[in-house]
Amino acid sequence: GEIDHQYKGAPKAQLGLTPWFDMENRQIETPVIFGHWSTLGLYMRADVMGIDTGCLWGGQLTAVDLRTRQIVQVANQDGPLRPN
């Protein structure tokens, strides 16, 4: 398979695409924490954690305590980004 850098939607929403973290040959022992995928939202699994909860678009700002895997979220005070 190949990575589709143009697709920005939720996983499994477009037929034929698989999220990078679900690829069959993914060989990594270290858990990965990632962002920049706000349509995925908060995504927690033993091997991956997606923490982009769309703060730029009016959602919460999310962080994770790496020692405990506890999620910390802060409400967006300003609302969604408004284009100039």
Protein backbone atom coordinates (compact mmCIF):
# COMPACT_ATOMS: atom_id res chain seq x y z
CA GLY A 1 0.00 0.00 0.00
CA GLU A 2 0.86 3.64 -0.28
CA ILE A 3 0.22 6.64 1.95
CA ASP A 4 -2.41 9.04 0.62
CA HIS A 5 -1.18 12.45 1.79
CA GLN A 6 -4.23 14.20 0.31
CA TYR A 7 -6.93 12.38 2.30
CA LYS A 8 -7.92 14.20 5.51
CA GLY A 9 -11.09 12.36 6.56
CA ALA A 10 -11.78 9.84 9.28
CA PRO A 11 -10.27 6.35 9.04
CA LYS A 12 -12.27 3.81 7.06
CA ALA A 13 -14.47 6.60 5.64
CA GLN A 14 -12.96 6.18 2.18
CA LEU A 15 -13.04 2.69 0.73
CA GLY A 16 -9.63 1.17 0.10
CA LEU A 17 -7.66 3.26 2.60
CA THR A 18 -6.14 1.96 5.83
CA PRO A 19 -4.74 4.15 8.63
CA TRP A 20 -0.94 3.96 8.84
CA PHE A 21 -1.16 2.47 12.34
CA ASP A 22 -3.24 -0.48 11.08
CA MET A 23 -0.86 -1.55 8.31
CA GLU A 24 -0.12 -5.28 8.46
CA ASN A 25 3.66 -4.98 8.35
CA ARG A 26 3.97 -2.19 10.92
CA GLN A 27 6.87 -3.29 13.11
CA ILE A 28 7.33 -1.06 16.11
CA GLU A 29 7.56 -1.95 19.78
CA THR A 30 7.37 1.61 21.08
CA PRO A 31 3.91 3.19 21.44
CA VAL A 32 3.37 6.18 19.14
CA ILE A 33 1.54 9.36 20.18
CA PHE A 34 0.46 11.54 17.29
CA GLY A 35 -1.66 14.51 16.27
CA HIS A 36 -2.51 16.41 13.09
CA TRP A 37 -5.56 14.25 12.40
CA SER A 38 -8.48 16.09 13.99
CA THR A 39 -11.16 14.09 12.16
CA LEU A 40 -9.92 11.01 14.01
CA GLY A 41 -10.41 12.69 17.40
CA LEU A 42 -9.13 11.14 20.61
CA TYR A 43 -7.95 7.63 19.72
CA MET A 44 -6.51 5.35 22.39
CA ARG A 45 -4.97 1.94 21.87
CA ALA A 46 -2.07 0.13 23.56
CA ASP A 47 0.26 0.83 20.63
CA VAL A 48 -1.00 4.23 19.37
CA MET A 49 -2.63 7.33 20.81
CA GLY A 50 -4.12 10.04 18.60
CA ILE A 51 -4.56 13.21 20.62
CA ASP A 52 -5.68 15.79 18.05
CA THR A 53 -9.14 16.81 19.29
CA GLY A 54 -9.55 19.78 16.97
CA CYS A 55 -8.62 22.72 19.18
CA LEU A 56 -8.03 24.83 16.06
CA TRP A 57 -11.61 24.14 14.99
CA GLY A 58 -13.17 24.84 18.39
CA GLY A 59 -12.54 21.49 20.08
CA GLN A 60 -10.46 20.84 23.17
CA LEU A 61 -6.68 20.97 23.52
CA THR A 62 -5.53 17.49 24.54
CA ALA A 63 -2.31 16.29 26.18
CA VAL A 64 -1.25 12.97 27.67
CA ASP A 65 0.88 12.17 30.72
CA LEU A 66 3.38 9.71 29.23
CA ARG A 67 4.00 7.96 32.56
CA THR A 68 0.36 7.19 33.33
CA ARG A 69 -1.34 7.59 29.92
CA GLN A 70 -3.80 9.92 31.64
CA ILE A 71 -5.50 12.34 29.27
CA VAL A 72 -5.68 16.04 30.15
CA GLN A 73 -8.03 18.28 28.18
CA VAL A 74 -8.55 22.05 28.26
CA ALA A 75 -11.53 23.76 26.68
CA ASN A 76 -10.93 26.07 23.73
CA GLN A 77 -11.63 29.58 25.03
CA ASP A 78 -11.73 31.36 21.65
CA GLY A 79 -13.82 29.08 19.44
CA PRO A 80 -12.84 27.98 15.94
CA LEU A 81 -10.18 29.72 13.89
CA ARG A 82 -11.65 32.49 11.77
CA PRO A 83 -9.99 33.25 8.44
CA ASN A 84 -8.79 36.84 8.01
